[in-house]
Amino acid sequence: MTTPNELRLLPWSGPGDKPCYLSTDDPSGYMSRLADSIEAIQLDTASELVEEASEALDNQDTSLDEMRCLVTELTGALRNVCRVAKSRGHLRATSDPRGSAY
């Protein structure tokens, strides 16, 4: 079992938008693979939204309502990307023998 400082921040929230963590000694177990898969989907979605935003900004016919919807989606995607980055940075720091995240 992992020690408390090696808990993995999962790419989803629990009740009340509280963070969820995984404690496991099997990084290739079902929950770890599920988290990896969801992180990949979240990162792909964010990438697609960046492309969509670029197109919307270049299009003079994009309405204010369309931009608001896009900003809402981008905000959620950015929140997910930040969670993934935080989780991966922590995982890297705990697995790096030098104790550095970089």
C-alpha atoms as a PDB file:
ATOM      1  CA  MET A   1       0.000   0.000   0.000  1.00  0.00           C
ATOM      2  CA  THR A   2       1.219   3.516  -0.718  1.00  0.00           C
ATOM      3  CA  THR A   3       2.133   5.900   2.053  1.00  0.00           C
ATOM      4  CA  PRO A   4      -0.127   8.950   2.578  1.00  0.00           C
ATOM      5  CA  ASN A   5       2.272  11.256   0.722  1.00  0.00           C
ATOM      6  CA  GLU A   6       2.077   8.950  -2.316  1.00  0.00           C
ATOM      7  CA  LEU A   7      -1.670   9.133  -2.825  1.00  0.00           C
ATOM      8  CA  ARG A   8      -2.683   9.756  -6.421  1.00  0.00           C
ATOM      9  CA  LEU A   9      -5.016  12.654  -7.092  1.00  0.00           C
ATOM     10  CA  LEU A  10      -7.718  11.233  -9.332  1.00  0.00           C
ATOM     11  CA  PRO A  11      -9.077  13.114 -12.358  1.00  0.00           C
ATOM     12  CA  TRP A  12     -12.564  13.456 -10.904  1.00  0.00           C
ATOM     13  CA  SER A  13     -14.098  15.050  -7.818  1.00  0.00           C
ATOM     14  CA  GLY A  14     -16.156  13.582  -5.062  1.00  0.00           C
ATOM     15  CA  PRO A  15     -19.218  14.979  -3.306  1.00  0.00           C
ATOM     16  CA  GLY A  16     -18.985  18.696  -2.707  1.00  0.00           C
ATOM     17  CA  ASP A  17     -16.297  18.947  -5.415  1.00  0.00           C
ATOM     18  CA  LYS A  18     -13.757  17.488  -2.975  1.00  0.00           C
ATOM     19  CA  PRO A  19     -10.658  15.814  -4.413  1.00  0.00           C
ATOM     20  CA  CYS A  20     -10.519  12.033  -4.678  1.00  0.00           C
ATOM     21  CA  TYR A  21      -7.318  10.089  -4.067  1.00  0.00           C
ATOM     22  CA  LEU A  22      -6.166   6.574  -4.852  1.00  0.00           C
ATOM     23  CA  SER A  23      -3.978   4.542  -2.547  1.00  0.00           C
ATOM     24  CA  THR A  24      -2.524   1.499  -4.241  1.00  0.00           C
ATOM     25  CA  ASP A  25       0.717  -0.392  -4.618  1.00  0.00           C
ATOM     26  CA  ASP A  26      -0.234  -1.427  -8.176  1.00  0.00           C
ATOM     27  CA  PRO A  27       0.234   1.448 -10.662  1.00  0.00           C
ATOM     28  CA  SER A  28      -1.151  -0.788 -13.425  1.00  0.00           C
ATOM     29  CA  GLY A  29      -4.255  -1.830 -11.489  1.00  0.00           C
ATOM     30  CA  TYR A  30      -7.811  -1.221 -12.646  1.00  0.00           C
ATOM     31  CA  MET A  31      -8.310   2.133 -10.880  1.00  0.00           C
ATOM     32  CA  SER A  32      -4.921   3.442 -12.010  1.00  0.00           C
ATOM     33  CA  ARG A  33      -5.664   2.481 -15.608  1.00  0.00           C
ATOM     34  CA  LEU A  34      -9.146   4.027 -15.348  1.00  0.00           C
ATOM     35  CA  ALA A  35      -7.628   7.268 -14.042  1.00  0.00           C
ATOM     36  CA  ASP A  36      -5.027   7.240 -16.838  1.00  0.00           C
ATOM     37  CA  SER A  37      -7.772   6.739 -19.428  1.00  0.00           C
ATOM     38  CA  ILE A  38      -9.924   9.547 -18.048  1.00  0.00           C
ATOM     39  CA  GLU A  39      -6.918  11.878 -17.893  1.00  0.00           C
ATOM     40  CA  ALA A  40      -6.173  11.142 -21.555  1.00  0.00           C
ATOM     41  CA  ILE A  41      -9.781  11.899 -22.503  1.00  0.00           C
ATOM     42  CA  GLN A  42      -9.715  15.141 -20.497  1.00  0.00           C
ATOM     43  CA  LEU A  43      -6.476  16.270 -22.166  1.00  0.00           C
ATOM     44  CA  ASP A  44      -7.802  15.400 -25.639  1.00  0.00           C
ATOM     45  CA  THR A  45     -11.008  17.322 -24.918  1.00  0.00           C
ATOM     46  CA  ALA A  46      -9.023  20.364 -23.790  1.00  0.00           C
ATOM     47  CA  SER A  47      -6.927  20.205 -26.956  1.00  0.00           C
ATOM     48  CA  GLU A  48     -10.051  20.044 -29.123  1.00  0.00           C
ATOM     49  CA  LEU A  49     -11.564  23.004 -27.261  1.00  0.00           C
ATOM     50  CA  VAL A  50      -8.415  25.073 -27.850  1.00  0.00           C
ATOM     51  CA  GLU A  51      -8.790  24.447 -31.583  1.00  0.00           C
ATOM     52  CA  GLU A  52     -12.482  25.318 -31.407  1.00  0.00           C
ATOM     53  CA  ALA A  53     -11.690  28.521 -29.516  1.00  0.00           C
ATOM     54  CA  SER A  54      -9.099  29.537 -32.095  1.00  0.00           C
ATOM     55  CA  GLU A  55     -11.629  29.054 -34.880  1.00  0.00           C
ATOM     56  CA  ALA A  56     -14.323  30.945 -32.962  1.00  0.00           C
ATOM     57  CA  LEU A  57     -11.987  33.883 -32.369  1.00  0.00           C
ATOM     58  CA  ASP A  58     -11.106  34.006 -36.066  1.00  0.00           C
ATOM     59  CA  ASN A  59     -14.782  33.891 -37.080  1.00  0.00           C
ATOM     60  CA  GLN A  60     -16.422  37.318 -36.998  1.00  0.00           C
ATOM     61  CA  ASP A  61     -19.859  35.655 -37.043  1.00  0.00           C
ATOM     62  CA  THR A  62     -19.384  33.875 -33.695  1.00  0.00           C
ATOM     63  CA  SER A  63     -22.170  35.069 -31.419  1.00  0.00           C
ATOM     64  CA  LEU A  64     -21.787  36.199 -27.826  1.00  0.00           C
ATOM     65  CA  ASP A  65     -23.849  33.194 -26.663  1.00  0.00           C
ATOM     66  CA  GLU A  66     -21.554  30.830 -28.569  1.00  0.00           C
ATOM     67  CA  MET A  67     -18.508  32.475 -26.993  1.00  0.00           C
ATOM     68  CA  ARG A  68     -20.023  32.226 -23.507  1.00  0.00           C
ATOM     69  CA  CYS A  69     -20.717  28.528 -24.051  1.00  0.00           C
ATOM     70  CA  LEU A  70     -17.172  28.002 -25.293  1.00  0.00           C
ATOM     71  CA  VAL A  71     -15.683  29.876 -22.333  1.00  0.00           C
ATOM     72  CA  THR A  72     -17.736  27.713 -19.953  1.00  0.00           C
ATOM     73  CA  GLU A  73     -16.445  24.547 -21.631  1.00  0.00           C
ATOM     74  CA  LEU A  74     -12.874  25.870 -21.661  1.00  0.00           C
ATOM     75  CA  THR A  75     -13.092  26.689 -17.952  1.00  0.00           C
ATOM     76  CA  GLY A  76     -14.102  23.124 -17.137  1.00  0.00           C
ATOM     77  CA  ALA A  77     -11.391  21.722 -19.399  1.00  0.00           C
ATOM     78  CA  LEU A  78      -8.753  23.977 -17.846  1.00  0.00           C
ATOM     79  CA  ARG A  79      -9.835  22.864 -14.376  1.00  0.00           C
ATOM     80  CA  ASN A  80      -9.368  19.231 -15.471  1.00  0.00           C
ATOM     81  CA  VAL A  81      -5.978  19.936 -17.045  1.00  0.00           C
ATOM     82  CA  CYS A  82      -4.809  21.650 -13.847  1.00  0.00           C
ATOM     83  CA  ARG A  83      -5.892  18.612 -11.817  1.00  0.00           C
ATOM     84  CA  VAL A  84      -4.033  16.272 -14.201  1.00  0.00           C
ATOM     85  CA  ALA A  85      -0.913  18.446 -14.040  1.00  0.00           C
ATOM     86  CA  LYS A  86      -1.028  18.546 -10.260  1.00  0.00           C
ATOM     87  CA  SER A  87      -1.501  14.781 -10.061  1.00  0.00           C
ATOM     88  CA  ARG A  88       1.252  13.997 -12.560  1.00  0.00           C
ATOM     89  CA  GLY A  89       3.622  16.469 -10.932  1.00  0.00           C
ATOM     90  CA  HIS A  90       3.054  14.818  -7.570  1.00  0.00           C
ATOM     91  CA  LEU A  91       3.483  11.330  -9.034  1.00  0.00           C
ATOM     92  CA  ARG A  92       6.699  12.388 -10.718  1.00  0.00           C
ATOM     93  CA  ALA A  93       8.032  14.004  -7.548  1.00  0.00           C
ATOM     94  CA  THR A  94       7.357  10.910  -5.452  1.00  0.00           C
ATOM     95  CA  SER A  95       8.933   8.584  -8.019  1.00  0.00           C
ATOM     96  CA  ASP A  96      12.006  10.771  -8.715  1.00  0.00           C
ATOM     97  CA  PRO A  97      14.890   9.596  -6.521  1.00  0.00           C
ATOM     98  CA  ARG A  98      16.265  13.151  -6.470  1.00  0.00           C
ATOM     99  CA  GLY A  99      13.007  14.390  -4.935  1.00  0.00           C
ATOM    100  CA  SER A 100      12.417  16.916  -7.695  1.00  0.00           C
ATOM    101  CA  ALA A 101       9.375  17.231  -9.922  1.00  0.00           C
ATOM    102  CA  TYR A 102      11.618  18.410 -12.809  1.00  0.00           C
END
